[in-house]
Amino acid sequence: MDSCTLKAYAKINIGLDVTGRTDNGYHLLKTVMQQVDLYDVITIERAEKGINFSCDSKDVPSDDTNLAVKAAKLMTETYGIKEGVNISLNKNIPVAAGMAGGSTDGAAVIIGMNKVFDLDLTMQEMIDTGVKIGADIPFCIQGGCAIAEGIGEKLRELDNRTEMYTLIAKPPINVSTVHVYKTLKWQEVIHPDMDRVIKGIMAGSMDDIVAGMGNVLESVTCSEYDIINELKKSMLDLGASGSLMSGSGPTVFGLFKNKEEAMSAEKRLKDLYPDVFVKATGIIR
């Protein structure tokens, strides 16, 4: 195979708790990650030499801070690939949004290079490779819905049986994940009932999901950016069953029981917040 084109899906966190810290300072998580039908498009193709990256967005770096470039270098070195690779990215997921936009691109590069260079890696082998450069990459490789623990790399697949549609809103601000975790007083915050969220997802109960979900990182980000609480309130006012910040923010999402409600809320939210990226979308099972 000379080339392949892949969809790299964004994720939301349907609840995020911090349960402790490792000896080297990493926070231990318990979260439910869910892919949504918002995606970047990545094309991977063989090249004579080098790692050649291009993107249609000026907000995406092309150096070694880019996880797609990191993933290509790691795959080349780990599996002794002698040829080069061209990576073309059509960016649709907002940058620095708390939706694993960079991680999902890196995951797509790993999956794509496995196909293009006929490496025959298993999913677990790709996951074990990806975790070396990003804790969210294993989930982005696996996809769907999963419980993530540890630093995010310990995954248990979940069958999300809930009739669920999402409304995503990313305000025009950037949040530093490092700052959020450094500022978080995880032992002093109200912790979400993640077990109830998981039970609700498995049972298809939106009521249980909403009753249990929360995000401890909101204690930092919401206190610094009023618009996050405003967006959450607006989504609830527009009919969402529940609303939450994803990851360290600033993206906010609302959970709706059907597509029609979410699409109607999308139009109204765009009118209320013309500078905010707003998208109604389903989930990826």
Protein backbone atom coordinates (compact mmCIF):
# COMPACT_ATOMS: atom_id res chain seq x y z
CA MET A 1 0.00 0.00 0.00
CA ASP A 2 1.43 3.37 -1.02
CA SER A 3 -0.98 5.61 0.94
CA CYS A 4 -4.05 5.69 3.15
CA THR A 5 -6.44 8.32 4.47
CA LEU A 6 -7.88 8.11 7.98
CA LYS A 7 -10.36 9.94 10.17
CA ALA A 8 -8.85 10.99 13.51
CA TYR A 9 -11.74 11.42 15.94
CA ALA A 10 -11.94 13.87 18.85
CA LYS A 11 -12.91 12.79 22.36
CA ILE A 12 -14.78 14.17 25.32
CA ASN A 13 -14.45 13.16 28.96
CA ILE A 14 -17.80 12.07 30.37
CA GLY A 15 -16.56 12.64 33.89
CA LEU A 16 -12.99 13.06 35.07
CA ASP A 17 -11.63 12.39 38.54
CA VAL A 18 -8.11 12.65 39.97
CA THR A 19 -7.50 9.88 42.49
CA GLY A 20 -3.86 10.42 43.47
CA ARG A 21 -0.35 11.19 42.28
CA THR A 22 2.62 9.07 41.31
CA ASP A 23 6.04 9.42 42.91
CA ASN A 24 7.27 11.34 39.87
CA GLY A 25 4.41 13.85 40.05
CA TYR A 26 1.91 12.58 37.47
CA HIS A 27 -1.75 12.71 38.45
CA LEU A 28 -3.69 9.44 38.54
CA LEU A 29 -7.03 9.61 36.76
CA LYS A 30 -10.33 7.82 36.53
CA THR A 31 -12.24 9.06 33.53
CA VAL A 32 -14.60 7.93 30.80
CA MET A 33 -13.39 8.87 27.34
CA GLN A 34 -15.85 8.92 24.46
CA GLN A 35 -15.04 9.55 20.81
CA VAL A 36 -17.36 11.95 19.00
CA ASP A 37 -18.06 12.40 15.31
CA LEU A 38 -15.76 15.38 14.88
CA TYR A 39 -12.53 14.46 13.16
CA ASP A 40 -9.34 15.53 11.46
CA VAL A 41 -8.45 13.87 8.16
CA ILE A 42 -4.91 12.51 7.81
CA THR A 43 -3.28 11.09 4.69
CA ILE A 44 -0.16 8.96 5.08
CA GLU A 45 1.94 8.08 2.05
CA ARG A 46 5.35 6.63 1.32
CA ALA A 47 8.11 9.06 0.42
CA GLU A 48 11.71 8.71 -0.68
CA LYS A 49 13.11 10.13 2.54
CA GLY A 50 12.39 12.19 5.62
CA ILE A 51 9.24 12.97 7.57
CA ASN A 52 7.34 15.60 5.65
CA PHE A 53 4.38 17.21 7.41
CA SER A 54 1.83 19.65 6.00
CA CYS A 55 -1.38 21.07 7.45
CA ASP A 56 -4.11 23.44 6.31
CA SER A 57 -4.12 25.24 9.69
CA LYS A 58 -1.47 27.77 10.71
CA ASP A 59 -2.25 27.00 14.36
CA VAL A 60 -0.69 23.52 14.12
CA PRO A 61 3.10 23.37 14.61
CA SER A 62 5.17 21.30 12.18
CA ASP A 63 8.15 20.71 14.47
CA ASP A 64 8.85 18.00 17.05
CA THR A 65 6.17 19.36 19.40
CA ASN A 66 3.58 18.00 16.97
CA LEU A 67 2.45 14.53 18.06
CA ALA A 68 1.89 13.44 14.46
CA VAL A 69 5.54 14.20 13.69
CA LYS A 70 6.65 12.57 16.95
CA ALA A 71 4.63 9.47 16.10
CA ALA A 72 6.19 9.22 12.64
CA LYS A 73 9.70 9.51 14.07
CA LEU A 74 8.95 6.91 16.74
CA MET A 75 7.50 4.46 14.21
CA THR A 76 10.45 4.97 11.87
CA GLU A 77 13.01 4.36 14.61
CA THR A 78 11.17 1.55 16.41
CA TYR A 79 10.39 -0.53 13.35
CA GLY A 80 13.40 0.27 11.18
CA ILE A 81 11.49 1.95 8.36
CA LYS A 82 14.03 2.95 5.70
CA GLU A 83 11.72 5.04 3.52
CA GLY A 84 10.32 8.47 4.26
CA VAL A 85 6.70 9.42 4.90
CA ASN A 86 4.46 12.30 3.84
CA ILE A 87 1.79 13.35 6.35
CA SER A 88 -1.02 15.65 5.22
CA LEU A 89 -3.44 16.93 7.88
CA ASN A 90 -6.83 18.57 7.32
CA LYS A 91 -7.56 20.10 10.74
CA ASN A 92 -11.17 20.25 11.92
CA ILE A 93 -10.81 19.65 15.65
CA PRO A 94 -10.11 22.95 17.46
CA VAL A 95 -6.52 23.31 18.67
CA ALA A 96 -5.82 23.24 22.44
CA ALA A 97 -9.40 22.32 23.18
CA GLY A 98 -9.14 19.43 25.66
CA MET A 99 -10.43 17.02 22.99
CA ALA A 100 -7.20 15.08 22.28
CA GLY A 101 -6.79 16.77 18.89
CA GLY A 102 -3.03 16.31 18.84
CA SER A 103 -3.17 12.83 20.33
CA THR A 104 -5.71 11.58 17.83
CA ASP A 105 -3.53 12.83 14.98
CA GLY A 106 -0.56 10.99 16.47
CA ALA A 107 -2.68 7.85 16.83
CA ALA A 108 -3.79 8.09 13.19
CA VAL A 109 -0.16 8.32 12.07
CA ILE A 110 0.68 5.13 13.98
CA ILE A 111 -2.32 3.30 12.50
CA GLY A 112 -1.63 4.68 9.03
CA MET A 113 2.07 3.84 9.01
CA ASN A 114 1.26 0.34 10.21
CA LYS A 115 -0.91 -0.07 7.11
CA VAL A 116 1.27 1.72 4.56
CA PHE A 117 4.51 0.00 5.56
CA ASP A 118 2.89 -3.44 6.07
CA LEU A 119 4.09 -3.77 9.66
CA ASP A 120 1.26 -6.11 10.74
CA LEU A 121 1.23 -4.68 14.27
CA THR A 122 -1.59 -5.67 16.61
CA MET A 123 -3.70 -3.00 18.28
CA GLN A 124 -1.89 -3.70 21.56
CA GLU A 125 1.49 -3.28 19.90
CA MET A 126 0.37 0.07 18.47
CA ILE A 127 -0.95 1.11 21.90
CA ASP A 128 2.34 0.14 23.57
CA THR A 129 4.18 2.26 21.00
CA GLY A 130 1.85 5.26 21.24
CA VAL A 131 1.91 5.58 25.03
CA LYS A 132 5.61 6.48 24.82
CA ILE A 133 4.70 9.90 23.42
CA GLY A 134 1.26 10.64 24.89
CA ALA A 135 -1.11 9.26 27.53
CA ASP A 136 -4.23 9.88 25.39
CA ILE A 137 -2.83 8.13 22.31
CA PRO A 138 -3.71 4.58 23.47
CA PHE A 139 -7.38 5.54 23.74
CA CYS A 140 -7.31 7.27 20.37
CA ILE A 141 -5.93 4.09 18.82
CA GLN A 142 -8.54 1.90 20.52
CA GLY A 143 -11.44 4.31 19.94
CA GLY A 144 -15.09 4.13 20.94
CA CYS A 145 -15.74 4.49 24.65
CA ALA A 146 -13.48 3.43 27.50
CA ILE A 147 -12.64 3.81 31.17
CA ALA A 148 -9.15 5.27 31.40
CA GLU A 149 -7.09 5.02 34.59
CA GLY A 150 -3.48 5.47 35.64
CA ILE A 151 -2.21 8.51 33.73
CA GLY A 152 -4.81 7.67 31.08
CA GLU A 153 -3.05 4.70 29.54
CA LYS A 154 -4.90 1.88 31.37
CA LEU A 155 -8.00 1.25 29.30
CA ARG A 156 -11.14 -0.85 29.71
CA GLU A 157 -13.51 -0.81 26.78
CA LEU A 158 -17.09 0.26 27.51
CA ASP A 159 -20.21 -0.52 25.54
CA ASN A 160 -22.02 2.82 25.51
CA ARG A 161 -25.67 1.87 25.13
CA THR A 162 -26.99 5.35 25.79
CA GLU A 163 -28.97 7.24 23.17
CA MET A 164 -26.72 10.28 23.20
CA TYR A 165 -25.96 13.29 21.04
CA THR A 166 -23.44 15.96 21.94
CA LEU A 167 -23.15 19.70 21.48
CA ILE A 168 -19.56 20.92 21.60
CA ALA A 169 -18.48 24.51 22.23
CA LYS A 170 -14.88 25.72 22.27
CA PRO A 171 -14.45 29.37 23.28
CA PRO A 172 -11.59 31.38 21.71
CA ILE A 173 -9.21 30.88 24.63
CA ASN A 174 -6.35 28.46 25.20
CA VAL A 175 -5.83 26.63 28.48
CA SER A 176 -2.51 25.23 29.67
CA THR A 177 -2.99 21.63 30.79
CA VAL A 178 0.27 21.80 32.75
CA HIS A 179 -0.97 24.89 34.62
CA VAL A 180 -4.33 23.29 35.41
CA TYR A 181 -2.79 20.18 36.94
CA LYS A 182 -0.16 22.18 38.84
CA THR A 183 -2.88 24.40 40.32
CA LEU A 184 -5.36 21.61 41.09
CA LYS A 185 -5.93 20.84 44.78
CA TRP A 186 -7.27 17.38 44.03
CA GLN A 187 -7.72 16.33 47.66
CA GLU A 188 -9.94 19.33 48.41
CA VAL A 189 -12.41 19.20 45.51
CA ILE A 190 -15.79 17.49 45.17
CA HIS A 191 -15.21 14.23 43.33
CA PRO A 192 -17.59 12.89 40.71
CA ASP A 193 -19.27 9.50 41.10
CA MET A 194 -17.48 7.80 38.23
CA ASP A 195 -18.90 4.39 39.14
CA ARG A 196 -22.40 5.77 38.62
CA VAL A 197 -21.36 7.27 35.29
CA ILE A 198 -19.99 3.91 34.17
CA LYS A 199 -23.11 2.10 35.37
CA GLY A 200 -25.27 4.60 33.46
CA ILE A 201 -23.30 4.16 30.25
CA MET A 202 -23.54 0.37 30.42
CA ALA A 203 -27.27 0.50 31.24
CA GLY A 204 -28.08 3.21 28.72
CA SER A 205 -29.30 5.54 31.49
CA MET A 206 -28.75 9.23 30.80
CA ASP A 207 -30.13 10.02 34.27
CA ASP A 208 -27.38 8.03 36.00
CA ILE A 209 -24.68 9.49 33.75
CA VAL A 210 -25.74 13.05 34.49
CA ALA A 211 -26.19 12.39 38.22
CA GLY A 212 -22.67 11.02 38.54
CA MET A 213 -20.60 13.07 36.14
CA GLY A 214 -18.26 15.87 37.07
CA ASN A 215 -14.77 17.09 36.23
CA VAL A 216 -12.40 18.01 39.05
CA LEU A 217 -10.33 20.14 36.65
CA GLU A 218 -13.24 22.57 36.45
CA SER A 219 -12.22 23.74 39.93
CA VAL A 220 -9.24 25.42 38.27
CA THR A 221 -10.34 26.31 34.74
CA CYS A 222 -13.84 27.54 35.57
CA SER A 223 -12.48 29.82 38.28
CA GLU A 224 -10.21 31.48 35.71
CA TYR A 225 -12.59 31.67 32.73
CA ASP A 226 -16.19 32.73 33.34
CA ILE A 227 -17.24 31.77 29.82
CA ILE A 228 -16.98 28.07 30.66
CA ASN A 229 -19.69 28.30 33.31
CA GLU A 230 -21.71 30.52 30.97
CA LEU A 231 -21.56 27.91 28.21
CA LYS A 232 -22.54 25.14 30.60
CA LYS A 233 -25.55 27.11 31.80
CA SER A 234 -26.56 27.99 28.24
CA MET A 235 -26.47 24.35 27.18
CA LEU A 236 -28.67 23.34 30.09
CA ASP A 237 -31.06 26.19 29.28
CA LEU A 238 -31.18 24.93 25.69
CA GLY A 239 -32.25 21.46 26.76
CA ALA A 240 -29.10 19.49 27.52
CA SER A 241 -29.56 16.74 30.11
CA GLY A 242 -26.10 17.56 31.45
CA SER A 243 -23.12 19.74 30.61
CA LEU A 244 -19.44 19.50 31.48
CA MET A 245 -16.00 20.75 30.56
CA SER A 246 -13.89 18.22 28.65
CA GLY A 247 -10.39 17.46 29.91
CA SER A 248 -8.57 20.54 31.17
CA GLY A 249 -10.75 22.71 28.93
CA PRO A 250 -11.76 25.04 27.59
CA THR A 251 -14.20 22.94 25.51
CA VAL A 252 -17.65 22.47 27.02
CA PHE A 253 -20.11 19.82 25.88
CA GLY A 254 -23.78 19.15 26.48
CA LEU A 255 -25.43 15.74 26.37
CA PHE A 256 -28.74 15.53 24.54
CA LYS A 257 -31.12 12.61 24.25
CA ASN A 258 -31.71 13.02 20.53
CA LYS A 259 -30.23 14.62 17.43
CA GLU A 260 -33.06 17.07 16.83
CA GLU A 261 -32.64 18.73 20.26
CA ALA A 262 -28.87 19.00 19.79
CA MET A 263 -29.19 20.49 16.30
CA SER A 264 -31.74 23.04 17.50
CA ALA A 265 -29.49 23.99 20.42
CA GLU A 266 -26.52 24.31 18.03
CA LYS A 267 -28.27 27.03 16.01
CA ARG A 268 -29.26 28.99 19.09
CA LEU A 269 -25.86 28.70 20.75
CA LYS A 270 -24.15 29.98 17.59
CA ASP A 271 -26.37 33.05 17.75
CA LEU A 272 -25.58 33.60 21.43
CA TYR A 273 -21.81 33.08 21.05
CA PRO A 274 -20.71 34.01 17.50
CA ASP A 275 -17.02 33.78 18.43
CA VAL A 276 -17.30 30.24 19.83
CA PHE A 277 -16.72 27.08 17.79
CA VAL A 278 -20.03 25.19 18.07
CA LYS A 279 -20.76 21.73 16.67
CA ALA A 280 -23.56 19.22 17.27
CA THR A 281 -22.40 15.67 16.71
CA GLY A 282 -23.05 12.04 17.57
CA ILE A 283 -20.77 9.58 19.32
CA ILE A 284 -18.56 6.88 17.82
CA ARG A 285 -19.35 3.42 19.09
